[in-house]
Amino acid sequence: MSLADELLADLEEDHGDDELQDNKDALATIKEEEKMETEDAAATNGPASGSVHSLLKLANSQRLAEMMESVERFFATERKAEEMVGPVEADPEYRLIVQVNQMAAEFDTEIGIIHKYCKDLYGRRFPELDSLVVGPLDYMMTARELANDLERVKNNDQLQQILTQATIMVVSVTASTTQGEPLPEADLARLMEACDLALELNRQKLRIYEYIESRMTFIAPNLSSVVGAATAAKLMGAAGGLTALSKMPACNIMLVGAEKRTLSGFSQANVLPHTGFIYYSPIVQDLPPDLRRKTARVVSAKVALAARVDSFHECPSGHVGRGLRDEIERKLDKMQEPPPVKAVKPLPAPIDMPGKRRGGKRVRKMKERYAVTEMRKQANRMTFGEIEDDAYQQDLGYTRGNIGKGGTGRIRAAQIDEKTKVRISKTLQKSLQRQQNYGGTTTVKKQVAGTASSVAFTPLQGLEIVNPQAAEKKVSEDNARYFSSVAAFAKVERS
């Protein structure tokens, strides 16, 4: 609430209707006067109130004019490294290089101020352009090209040299729906003047960089051979001169030019710490990302050596720097080459003794003895698609398999295989032979005539029980007695 509104509220509480109306009219007049004063102040102090030159210190200054004149004068002459005598800091051209190198940062500051001035001025015509075109120079060149006519975005050859096709399409769509108002002719003239001034400052900055790079081969030939003229100029400017750079260790040279960024709570995952001018030099950026940090350390070590050589003017021709550059390239080739193919190495002979094997003649005979016989194999076989007959007729499923199905259909006698024949001991063999010779057998086991009987009719006794095999037994005993292969002579006559 303003002062006039507060006074009006107090008067409404303390005075009557007539006085209240008079006071309201007076206070309305005061309020209108305050509003006009505020608008006049805003018009006086606003971005469009005056020229952009009132906000700048470097542009159109006497110091910049003298600096650019000296740069053009030295640029027109050619010097050789052999002409430099004494310390490099005593040379007038070296002092000029240091000064213009420090002035390059002031150029960026001046361009940033002009960019802010143009955004405040052109924001009334196209407020969305600030978020679509982020670069300061790109923004000012786009605003200078469009001016009040936003319909010229499409098919604009000048704009295609500034922005990409995707950005031009987005700007064209946004320009058709913007709520901005056209700028007056005076504000449009100030906008054009500010854009032209920013472009001129950028041209002068590029000219200074070109001069510094051309003189790097004269001031620091070996350092320029290692990292290039542009990076060498940045290192010397940030370090405070070639002598100061030569006194720095390699670990500190790698950090020259590093910026500490504060993202105000945003993620810092993509921010690379400890990365300076050397990390962003072409020799490092041309490598894969996983090799850049290691390469930056190698280059920093060689930069320290090259800076010390240049500070004492030991090698004006720059062959030491070229040798250091060749050494760096050899190391980079070594780091990027594929790993060697792993050779096929045969396994060594085992040193342990072979284990005992379960084999031999005894085991083979045992396996043959318990092997499946031919008759069992035939019993286990079945013919596919043939109905088998139950041998017991009781649905037990017992069949003889393929036994007797081959040939005439008769069951053949099992063939005795000597390998699977049951072995018996010699003692058992003698016992069985003794039983066969001296009884213990039946008519089933021995072939005896069916008419033979143990009852006989004799004229003396009538019925007698006799042994029908007695005669055969007597013949066998006689044969065993007289014709045995082991029997001795019955009678031996001695003379």
Protein backbone atom coordinates (compact mmCIF):
# COMPACT_ATOMS: atom_id res chain seq x y z
CA MET A 1 0.00 0.00 0.00
CA SER A 2 1.41 3.40 -0.99
CA LEU A 3 1.49 6.57 1.14
CA ALA A 4 -1.53 8.03 -0.66
CA ASP A 5 -3.60 4.91 -0.01
CA GLU A 6 -2.73 5.00 3.71
CA LEU A 7 -3.72 8.65 4.02
CA LEU A 8 -6.97 7.98 2.20
CA ALA A 9 -7.83 5.17 4.61
CA ASP A 10 -7.17 7.42 7.62
CA LEU A 11 -9.33 10.22 6.24
CA GLU A 12 -12.24 7.87 5.67
CA GLU A 13 -12.29 7.07 9.38
CA ASP A 14 -11.84 10.62 10.81
CA HIS A 15 -13.79 13.06 8.53
CA GLY A 16 -17.28 13.54 7.22
CA ASP A 17 -18.65 13.05 3.78
CA ASP A 18 -17.91 16.55 2.35
CA GLU A 19 -14.41 16.72 3.67
CA LEU A 20 -13.93 13.14 2.68
CA GLN A 21 -14.83 13.86 -0.93
CA ASP A 22 -12.49 16.87 -1.08
CA ASN A 23 -9.68 14.91 0.45
CA LYS A 24 -10.29 12.06 -1.97
CA ASP A 25 -9.90 14.39 -4.91
CA ALA A 26 -6.70 15.84 -3.49
CA LEU A 27 -5.23 12.47 -2.74
CA ALA A 28 -6.17 11.18 -6.19
CA THR A 29 -4.19 14.07 -7.65
CA ILE A 30 -1.21 13.22 -5.43
CA LYS A 31 -1.42 9.57 -6.44
CA GLU A 32 -1.45 10.46 -10.12
CA GLU A 33 1.60 12.67 -9.67
CA GLU A 34 3.45 9.85 -7.88
CA LYS A 35 2.63 7.44 -10.72
CA MET A 36 3.94 9.88 -13.31
CA GLU A 37 7.15 10.38 -11.33
CA THR A 38 7.63 6.64 -11.08
CA GLU A 39 7.19 6.18 -14.84
CA ASP A 40 9.61 9.04 -15.53
CA ALA A 41 12.20 7.47 -13.23
CA ALA A 42 11.78 4.10 -14.87
CA ALA A 43 12.13 5.71 -18.28
CA THR A 44 15.26 7.53 -17.14
CA ASN A 45 16.99 4.61 -15.39
CA GLY A 46 15.69 1.72 -17.59
CA PRO A 47 17.75 -0.23 -20.12
CA ALA A 48 16.33 1.74 -23.03
CA SER A 49 16.85 5.15 -21.46
CA GLY A 50 20.32 5.78 -22.90
CA SER A 51 23.01 4.38 -25.11
CA VAL A 52 24.84 1.18 -24.29
CA HIS A 53 28.17 3.05 -24.25
CA SER A 54 27.33 4.46 -20.82
CA LEU A 55 27.44 0.94 -19.35
CA LEU A 56 30.80 -0.10 -20.84
CA LYS A 57 34.37 0.68 -19.81
CA LEU A 58 36.51 -1.07 -22.40
CA ALA A 59 34.64 -0.37 -25.63
CA ASN A 60 35.67 2.86 -27.38
CA SER A 61 38.27 3.48 -24.63
CA GLN A 62 41.68 4.97 -25.29
CA ARG A 63 43.43 1.96 -23.78
CA LEU A 64 41.74 -0.45 -26.20
CA ALA A 65 42.52 1.77 -29.18
CA GLU A 66 46.22 1.97 -28.26
CA MET A 67 46.34 -1.78 -27.62
CA MET A 68 44.81 -2.65 -30.97
CA GLU A 69 47.16 -0.20 -32.72
CA SER A 70 50.18 -1.88 -31.12
CA VAL A 71 48.85 -5.30 -32.07
CA GLU A 72 48.46 -4.28 -35.71
CA ARG A 73 51.94 -2.71 -35.75
CA PHE A 74 53.64 -5.83 -34.37
CA PHE A 75 51.43 -8.04 -36.52
CA ALA A 76 52.82 -6.40 -39.65
CA THR A 77 56.44 -7.23 -38.73
CA GLU A 78 58.03 -10.65 -38.59
CA ARG A 79 60.59 -11.54 -35.95
CA LYS A 80 62.71 -14.61 -35.32
CA ALA A 81 63.50 -16.27 -32.03
CA GLU A 82 67.23 -15.57 -32.48
CA GLU A 83 66.57 -11.83 -32.23
CA MET A 84 65.47 -12.08 -28.58
CA VAL A 85 68.29 -11.28 -26.17
CA GLY A 86 68.04 -11.52 -22.38
CA PRO A 87 65.03 -12.62 -20.38
CA VAL A 88 61.82 -12.99 -22.30
CA GLU A 89 59.93 -10.70 -19.90
CA ALA A 90 62.12 -7.74 -20.98
CA ASP A 91 61.01 -7.88 -24.58
CA PRO A 92 58.38 -5.18 -25.41
CA GLU A 93 56.39 -7.48 -27.66
CA TYR A 94 56.20 -10.09 -24.90
CA ARG A 95 54.81 -7.47 -22.50
CA LEU A 96 52.22 -6.56 -25.12
CA ILE A 97 51.24 -10.22 -25.48
CA VAL A 98 50.76 -10.52 -21.71
CA GLN A 99 48.60 -7.37 -21.61
CA VAL A 100 46.33 -8.31 -24.50
CA ASN A 101 46.02 -11.85 -23.10
CA GLN A 102 44.75 -10.41 -19.83
CA MET A 103 42.43 -8.09 -21.76
CA ALA A 104 40.70 -11.09 -23.38
CA ALA A 105 38.81 -11.73 -20.13
CA GLU A 106 37.57 -8.12 -20.15
CA PHE A 107 36.14 -8.65 -23.64
CA ASP A 108 33.94 -11.45 -22.32
CA THR A 109 32.71 -9.25 -19.48
CA GLU A 110 31.81 -6.41 -21.86
CA ILE A 111 29.95 -8.76 -24.20
CA GLY A 112 27.99 -10.14 -21.20
CA ILE A 113 26.90 -6.59 -20.23
CA ILE A 114 25.74 -5.88 -23.78
CA HIS A 115 23.86 -9.16 -23.83
CA LYS A 116 21.97 -8.19 -20.66
CA TYR A 117 21.17 -4.79 -22.16
CA CYS A 118 19.79 -6.37 -25.34
CA LYS A 119 17.67 -8.88 -23.40
CA ASP A 120 16.05 -6.11 -21.36
CA LEU A 121 15.42 -4.08 -24.48
CA TYR A 122 14.28 -6.77 -26.92
CA GLY A 123 12.38 -8.71 -24.24
CA ARG A 124 9.41 -6.42 -24.77
CA ARG A 125 9.18 -7.54 -28.41
CA PHE A 126 10.08 -11.23 -28.13
CA PRO A 127 10.36 -12.32 -24.44
CA GLU A 128 10.65 -16.05 -25.26
CA LEU A 129 13.80 -15.65 -27.37
CA ASP A 130 15.99 -15.56 -24.26
CA SER A 131 15.14 -19.16 -23.38
CA LEU A 132 15.33 -20.41 -26.99
CA VAL A 133 18.75 -18.93 -27.93
CA VAL A 134 21.14 -19.14 -24.99
CA GLY A 135 24.45 -17.97 -26.50
CA PRO A 136 25.10 -14.22 -26.05
CA LEU A 137 26.37 -13.59 -29.56
CA ASP A 138 23.76 -15.86 -31.14
CA TYR A 139 21.00 -14.02 -29.25
CA MET A 140 22.17 -10.58 -30.32
CA MET A 141 22.68 -11.59 -33.95
CA THR A 142 19.21 -13.16 -34.01
CA ALA A 143 17.58 -10.08 -32.45
CA ARG A 144 19.44 -7.84 -34.93
CA GLU A 145 18.20 -9.94 -37.85
CA LEU A 146 14.55 -10.20 -36.73
CA ALA A 147 14.00 -6.72 -35.24
CA ASN A 148 10.24 -6.01 -35.22
CA ASP A 149 9.43 -8.29 -38.15
CA LEU A 150 9.08 -11.75 -36.57
CA GLU A 151 7.64 -13.23 -39.73
CA ARG A 152 11.08 -13.31 -41.34
CA VAL A 153 12.15 -16.36 -39.35
CA LYS A 154 11.29 -18.83 -42.13
CA ASN A 155 13.43 -19.01 -45.26
CA ASN A 156 15.98 -16.56 -43.85
CA ASP A 157 19.47 -17.27 -45.20
CA GLN A 158 21.22 -15.06 -42.64
CA LEU A 159 19.43 -16.75 -39.76
CA GLN A 160 20.38 -20.21 -41.04
CA GLN A 161 24.05 -19.26 -40.68
CA ILE A 162 23.49 -18.39 -37.02
CA LEU A 163 21.08 -21.04 -35.70
CA THR A 164 20.41 -24.69 -36.45
CA GLN A 165 17.36 -25.88 -38.34
CA ALA A 166 15.73 -27.27 -35.19
CA THR A 167 16.20 -23.98 -33.32
CA ILE A 168 14.86 -21.98 -36.26
CA MET A 169 11.71 -24.11 -36.31
CA VAL A 170 11.12 -23.62 -32.57
CA VAL A 171 11.74 -19.87 -32.85
CA SER A 172 9.32 -19.65 -35.79
CA VAL A 173 6.53 -21.41 -33.90
CA THR A 174 7.09 -19.34 -30.75
CA ALA A 175 7.24 -16.07 -32.70
CA SER A 176 3.79 -16.72 -34.18
CA THR A 177 2.23 -16.94 -30.69
CA THR A 178 4.28 -14.37 -28.74
CA GLN A 179 2.56 -11.62 -26.75
CA GLY A 180 5.27 -9.00 -27.29
CA GLU A 181 4.71 -5.52 -28.65
CA PRO A 182 6.69 -3.86 -31.48
CA LEU A 183 9.56 -1.62 -30.35
CA PRO A 184 9.64 2.09 -31.09
CA GLU A 185 12.15 3.36 -33.63
CA ALA A 186 14.41 4.86 -30.93
CA ASP A 187 14.60 1.58 -28.97
CA LEU A 188 15.15 -0.37 -32.16
CA ALA A 189 18.05 1.93 -33.10
CA ARG A 190 19.65 1.45 -29.66
CA LEU A 191 19.25 -2.32 -30.05
CA MET A 192 21.01 -2.29 -33.41
CA GLU A 193 23.80 -0.15 -32.01
CA ALA A 194 24.35 -2.51 -29.06
CA CYS A 195 24.39 -5.59 -31.30
CA ASP A 196 26.90 -3.98 -33.68
CA LEU A 197 29.11 -3.02 -30.74
CA ALA A 198 29.08 -6.60 -29.39
CA LEU A 199 30.04 -8.00 -32.78
CA GLU A 200 32.88 -5.48 -33.06
CA LEU A 201 34.23 -6.44 -29.63
CA ASN A 202 34.09 -10.10 -30.58
CA ARG A 203 36.00 -9.35 -33.80
CA GLN A 204 38.71 -7.51 -31.87
CA LYS A 205 39.00 -10.39 -29.40
CA LEU A 206 39.46 -12.90 -32.22
CA ARG A 207 42.09 -10.61 -33.76
CA ILE A 208 44.00 -10.53 -30.47
CA TYR A 209 43.86 -14.32 -30.21
CA GLU A 210 45.14 -14.60 -33.75
CA TYR A 211 48.05 -12.33 -32.96
CA ILE A 212 48.94 -14.21 -29.77
CA GLU A 213 48.89 -17.55 -31.57
CA SER A 214 51.11 -16.19 -34.33
CA ARG A 215 53.65 -14.93 -31.79
CA MET A 216 53.75 -18.10 -29.73
CA THR A 217 56.24 -19.65 -32.13
CA PHE A 218 58.46 -16.62 -31.46
CA ILE A 219 57.99 -16.33 -27.69
CA ALA A 220 57.70 -20.03 -26.78
CA PRO A 221 58.45 -22.24 -29.82
CA ASN A 222 58.92 -25.46 -27.85
CA LEU A 223 55.79 -24.93 -25.74
CA SER A 224 53.75 -24.25 -28.88
CA SER A 225 55.06 -27.43 -30.48
CA VAL A 226 53.80 -29.51 -27.55
CA VAL A 227 50.25 -28.18 -26.97
CA GLY A 228 49.64 -25.72 -29.79
CA ALA A 229 49.78 -21.94 -29.94
CA ALA A 230 46.28 -21.30 -28.57
CA THR A 231 46.71 -23.47 -25.47
CA ALA A 232 50.23 -22.12 -24.91
CA ALA A 233 48.91 -18.55 -24.93
CA LYS A 234 46.18 -19.41 -22.42
CA LEU A 235 48.68 -21.12 -20.10
CA MET A 236 51.09 -18.20 -20.18
CA GLY A 237 48.32 -15.66 -19.58
CA ALA A 238 46.83 -17.57 -16.64
CA ALA A 239 50.23 -18.35 -15.07
CA GLY A 240 51.50 -14.75 -15.29
CA GLY A 241 54.18 -15.19 -17.91
CA LEU A 242 56.58 -17.74 -19.32
CA THR A 243 59.00 -17.53 -16.38
CA ALA A 244 56.22 -18.11 -13.84
CA LEU A 245 54.96 -21.04 -15.92
CA SER A 246 58.44 -22.59 -16.03
CA LYS A 247 58.66 -22.52 -12.22
CA MET A 248 55.38 -24.39 -11.72
CA PRO A 249 55.39 -28.17 -11.21
CA ALA A 250 53.61 -30.40 -13.69
CA CYS A 251 50.80 -31.25 -11.25
CA ASN A 252 49.93 -27.54 -10.94
CA ILE A 253 50.22 -26.86 -14.68
CA MET A 254 47.53 -29.47 -15.29
CA LEU A 255 45.13 -27.42 -13.10
CA VAL A 256 45.80 -24.05 -14.73
CA GLY A 257 42.49 -22.74 -16.07
CA ALA A 258 40.26 -24.96 -13.91
CA GLU A 259 36.98 -23.38 -12.91
CA LYS A 260 35.09 -24.05 -9.70
CA ARG A 261 31.40 -24.26 -10.53
CA THR A 262 28.59 -23.83 -8.02
CA LEU A 263 25.37 -25.34 -9.33
CA SER A 264 23.21 -24.32 -6.33
CA GLY A 265 21.97 -27.77 -5.42
CA PHE A 266 21.88 -29.25 -8.92
CA SER A 267 23.64 -32.48 -9.80
CA GLN A 268 27.39 -32.26 -10.34
CA ALA A 269 27.72 -35.70 -11.91
CA ASN A 270 28.64 -34.26 -15.33
CA VAL A 271 31.05 -31.63 -13.95
CA LEU A 272 34.65 -32.72 -14.42
CA PRO A 273 36.88 -31.58 -11.53
CA HIS A 274 40.57 -30.69 -11.92
CA THR A 275 40.30 -30.01 -15.66
CA GLY A 276 42.11 -26.96 -17.04
CA PHE A 277 43.40 -25.67 -20.37
CA ILE A 278 45.49 -28.79 -21.03
CA TYR A 279 42.52 -31.12 -20.58
CA TYR A 280 40.53 -29.18 -23.20
CA SER A 281 43.43 -28.89 -25.66
CA PRO A 282 43.07 -30.66 -29.04
CA ILE A 283 45.75 -33.27 -28.29
CA VAL A 284 43.73 -34.49 -25.28
CA GLN A 285 40.19 -34.06 -26.63
CA ASP A 286 40.93 -36.15 -29.74
CA LEU A 287 41.32 -39.25 -27.55
CA PRO A 288 38.62 -41.52 -26.07
CA PRO A 289 37.18 -40.26 -22.75
CA ASP A 290 38.77 -43.03 -20.70
CA LEU A 291 42.31 -41.94 -21.74
CA ARG A 292 41.98 -38.16 -21.38
CA ARG A 293 42.96 -37.78 -17.72
CA LYS A 294 46.04 -39.97 -18.11
CA THR A 295 47.02 -38.10 -21.28
CA ALA A 296 46.57 -34.72 -19.51
CA ARG A 297 49.10 -35.80 -16.86
CA VAL A 298 51.59 -36.87 -19.54
CA VAL A 299 51.16 -33.60 -21.49
CA SER A 300 51.52 -31.51 -18.31
CA ALA A 301 54.88 -33.10 -17.58
CA LYS A 302 56.14 -32.32 -21.10
CA VAL A 303 54.74 -28.76 -20.93
CA ALA A 304 56.79 -28.13 -17.78
CA LEU A 305 59.97 -29.25 -19.57
CA ALA A 306 59.21 -27.22 -22.71
CA ALA A 307 58.46 -24.06 -20.67
CA ARG A 308 61.82 -24.33 -18.89
CA VAL A 309 63.63 -24.69 -22.19
CA ASP A 310 61.86 -21.62 -23.66
CA SER A 311 62.45 -19.48 -20.59
CA PHE A 312 66.25 -19.82 -21.07
CA HIS A 313 66.13 -19.58 -24.91
CA GLU A 314 67.99 -22.86 -25.19
CA CYS A 315 66.27 -24.05 -28.36
CA PRO A 316 64.86 -21.25 -30.56
CA SER A 317 64.22 -23.66 -33.44
CA GLY A 318 61.74 -25.69 -31.36
CA HIS A 319 63.16 -29.16 -32.08
CA VAL A 320 63.07 -30.02 -28.34
CA GLY A 321 59.33 -29.37 -28.28
CA ARG A 322 58.83 -31.46 -31.42
CA GLY A 323 60.76 -34.28 -29.80
CA LEU A 324 58.55 -34.07 -26.70
CA ARG A 325 55.46 -34.08 -28.93
CA ASP A 326 56.71 -37.20 -30.74
CA GLU A 327 57.30 -38.89 -27.39
CA ILE A 328 53.74 -38.07 -26.31
CA GLU A 329 52.33 -39.47 -29.55
CA ARG A 330 54.31 -42.70 -29.12
CA LYS A 331 52.88 -43.11 -25.63
CA LEU A 332 49.37 -42.44 -26.94
CA ASP A 333 49.81 -45.07 -29.65
CA LYS A 334 51.00 -47.51 -27.03
CA MET A 335 47.95 -46.81 -24.84
CA GLN A 336 45.51 -47.23 -27.74
CA GLU A 337 46.92 -50.39 -29.28
CA PRO A 338 44.93 -53.59 -28.67
CA PRO A 339 46.19 -56.07 -26.09
CA PRO A 340 48.42 -58.89 -27.37
CA VAL A 341 46.79 -62.15 -28.35
CA LYS A 342 47.03 -64.66 -25.56
CA ALA A 343 49.19 -67.61 -26.66
CA VAL A 344 47.80 -71.11 -26.40
CA LYS A 345 49.86 -72.78 -23.70
CA PRO A 346 49.60 -76.58 -23.40
CA LEU A 347 48.98 -78.09 -20.02
CA PRO A 348 52.01 -79.68 -18.34
CA ALA A 349 52.28 -83.43 -17.88
CA PRO A 350 50.70 -84.61 -14.63
CA ILE A 351 53.16 -85.47 -11.90
CA ASP A 352 50.90 -87.80 -9.91
CA MET A 353 51.26 -91.56 -10.22
CA PRO A 354 48.57 -93.49 -12.08
CA GLY A 355 46.03 -95.16 -9.80
CA LYS A 356 45.37 -98.89 -9.59
CA ARG A 357 42.95 -100.23 -12.11
CA ARG A 358 40.37 -102.90 -11.41
CA GLY A 359 41.24 -105.30 -14.21
CA GLY A 360 43.31 -108.25 -15.22
CA LYS A 361 42.76 -111.92 -16.04
CA ARG A 362 40.91 -112.73 -12.84
CA VAL A 363 38.40 -109.92 -13.21
CA ARG A 364 37.76 -110.68 -16.87
CA LYS A 365 37.06 -114.36 -16.09
CA MET A 366 34.70 -113.37 -13.30
CA LYS A 367 32.75 -111.08 -15.66
CA GLU A 368 32.56 -113.85 -18.26
CA ARG A 369 31.33 -116.31 -15.67
CA TYR A 370 28.45 -114.09 -14.55
CA ALA A 371 27.55 -112.92 -18.03
CA VAL A 372 24.03 -113.36 -19.41
CA THR A 373 23.64 -116.67 -21.25
CA GLU A 374 22.33 -116.99 -24.76
CA MET A 375 19.10 -118.66 -23.57
CA ARG A 376 18.43 -115.83 -21.11
CA LYS A 377 19.00 -113.31 -23.87
CA GLN A 378 16.42 -115.06 -26.05
CA ALA A 379 13.97 -115.20 -23.14
CA ASN A 380 14.31 -111.48 -22.58
CA ARG A 381 13.63 -110.59 -26.21
CA MET A 382 10.19 -109.82 -27.56
CA THR A 383 8.99 -109.37 -31.13
CA PHE A 384 7.39 -106.01 -31.85
CA GLY A 385 3.69 -106.17 -32.80
CA GLU A 386 3.17 -109.80 -31.87
CA ILE A 387 0.79 -111.07 -29.20
CA GLU A 388 2.55 -113.36 -26.74
CA ASP A 389 0.96 -116.49 -25.26
CA ASP A 390 0.84 -116.79 -21.50
CA ALA A 391 2.78 -119.94 -20.60
CA TYR A 392 0.74 -120.52 -17.40
CA GLN A 393 -2.65 -119.50 -18.85
CA GLN A 394 -3.32 -117.38 -15.75
CA ASP A 395 -2.81 -113.86 -17.14
CA LEU A 396 0.49 -113.59 -15.32
CA GLY A 397 2.21 -112.33 -18.38
CA TYR A 398 4.95 -114.94 -18.28
CA THR A 399 6.36 -115.81 -21.70
CA ARG A 400 9.42 -117.55 -23.02
CA GLY A 401 10.31 -114.63 -25.22
CA ASN A 402 11.97 -115.69 -28.45
CA ILE A 403 13.01 -119.12 -27.21
CA GLY A 404 12.02 -121.74 -29.79
CA LYS A 405 10.58 -119.27 -32.29
CA GLY A 406 13.38 -119.59 -34.74
CA GLY A 407 13.65 -122.51 -37.22
CA THR A 408 11.34 -125.50 -36.55
CA GLY A 409 9.82 -124.08 -33.40
CA ARG A 410 11.36 -126.68 -31.12
CA ILE A 411 13.33 -125.65 -28.10
CA ARG A 412 16.93 -126.31 -28.74
CA ALA A 413 19.27 -127.45 -26.07
CA ALA A 414 21.19 -124.70 -24.46
CA GLN A 415 24.69 -124.36 -25.80
CA ILE A 416 27.28 -124.74 -23.12
CA ASP A 417 29.68 -121.86 -23.12
CA GLU A 418 32.96 -122.66 -21.48
CA LYS A 419 33.28 -119.07 -20.37
CA THR A 420 30.07 -119.16 -18.36
CA LYS A 421 30.30 -122.78 -17.23
CA VAL A 422 30.12 -123.27 -13.50
CA ARG A 423 33.49 -124.11 -12.00
CA ILE A 424 33.71 -126.72 -9.26
CA SER A 425 36.65 -127.72 -7.20
CA LYS A 426 38.58 -130.91 -7.76
CA THR A 427 37.51 -132.31 -4.36
CA LEU A 428 33.85 -131.90 -5.33
CA GLN A 429 34.54 -133.56 -8.66
CA LYS A 430 36.06 -136.67 -6.93
CA SER A 431 33.12 -136.84 -4.55
CA LEU A 432 30.61 -136.80 -7.35
CA GLN A 433 32.57 -139.42 -9.25
CA ARG A 434 32.68 -141.63 -6.20
CA GLN A 435 28.92 -141.39 -5.79
CA GLN A 436 28.38 -142.32 -9.38
CA ASN A 437 30.66 -145.35 -9.08
CA TYR A 438 29.51 -146.75 -5.70
CA GLY A 439 25.80 -146.06 -5.58
CA GLY A 440 23.70 -143.20 -4.65
CA THR A 441 22.22 -143.01 -8.10
CA THR A 442 18.70 -143.84 -9.26
CA THR A 443 17.22 -145.15 -12.43
CA VAL A 444 16.45 -141.62 -13.43
CA LYS A 445 20.08 -140.64 -13.34
CA LYS A 446 21.39 -143.89 -14.92
CA GLN A 447 19.92 -145.57 -17.91
CA VAL A 448 18.50 -148.88 -16.58
CA ALA A 449 16.23 -151.21 -18.50
CA GLY A 450 12.60 -150.87 -17.62
CA THR A 451 12.13 -154.69 -17.06
CA ALA A 452 14.85 -154.84 -14.43
CA SER A 453 13.58 -155.52 -10.91
CA SER A 454 15.02 -156.18 -7.46
CA VAL A 455 12.68 -159.22 -7.02
CA ALA A 456 13.75 -162.46 -8.69
CA PHE A 457 12.28 -166.00 -8.84
CA THR A 458 14.73 -168.75 -7.87
CA PRO A 459 14.15 -172.48 -7.75
CA LEU A 460 15.43 -172.66 -4.18
CA GLN A 461 13.87 -169.78 -2.40
CA GLY A 462 11.16 -168.82 -4.82
CA LEU A 463 11.09 -165.02 -4.44
CA GLU A 464 14.38 -163.37 -3.63
CA ILE A 465 15.44 -159.73 -3.44
CA VAL A 466 18.51 -159.37 -5.56
CA ASN A 467 20.53 -156.44 -6.91
CA PRO A 468 20.10 -156.26 -10.69
CA GLN A 469 23.23 -154.14 -10.92
CA ALA A 470 25.40 -156.52 -8.97
CA ALA A 471 26.83 -158.07 -12.10
CA GLU A 472 27.55 -154.66 -13.55
CA LYS A 473 29.14 -153.55 -10.29
CA LYS A 474 31.37 -156.61 -10.28
CA VAL A 475 32.43 -155.87 -13.85
CA SER A 476 33.21 -152.30 -12.91
CA GLU A 477 35.28 -153.38 -9.93
CA ASP A 478 37.19 -155.83 -12.05
CA ASN A 479 37.83 -153.20 -14.64
CA ALA A 480 38.96 -150.80 -11.97
CA ARG A 481 41.19 -153.49 -10.49
CA TYR A 482 42.81 -154.93 -13.56
CA PHE A 483 42.53 -152.20 -16.16
CA SER A 484 43.01 -149.12 -14.09
CA SER A 485 45.73 -146.72 -15.15
CA VAL A 486 46.94 -146.42 -11.57
CA ALA A 487 46.67 -150.05 -10.40
CA ALA A 488 49.81 -152.04 -9.68
CA PHE A 489 50.60 -155.65 -10.63
CA ALA A 490 48.67 -158.26 -8.60
CA LYS A 491 51.44 -160.83 -8.56
CA VAL A 492 55.05 -160.20 -9.15
CA GLU A 493 57.34 -163.17 -9.48
CA ARG A 494 60.79 -162.56 -8.18
CA SER A 495 63.72 -164.51 -9.45
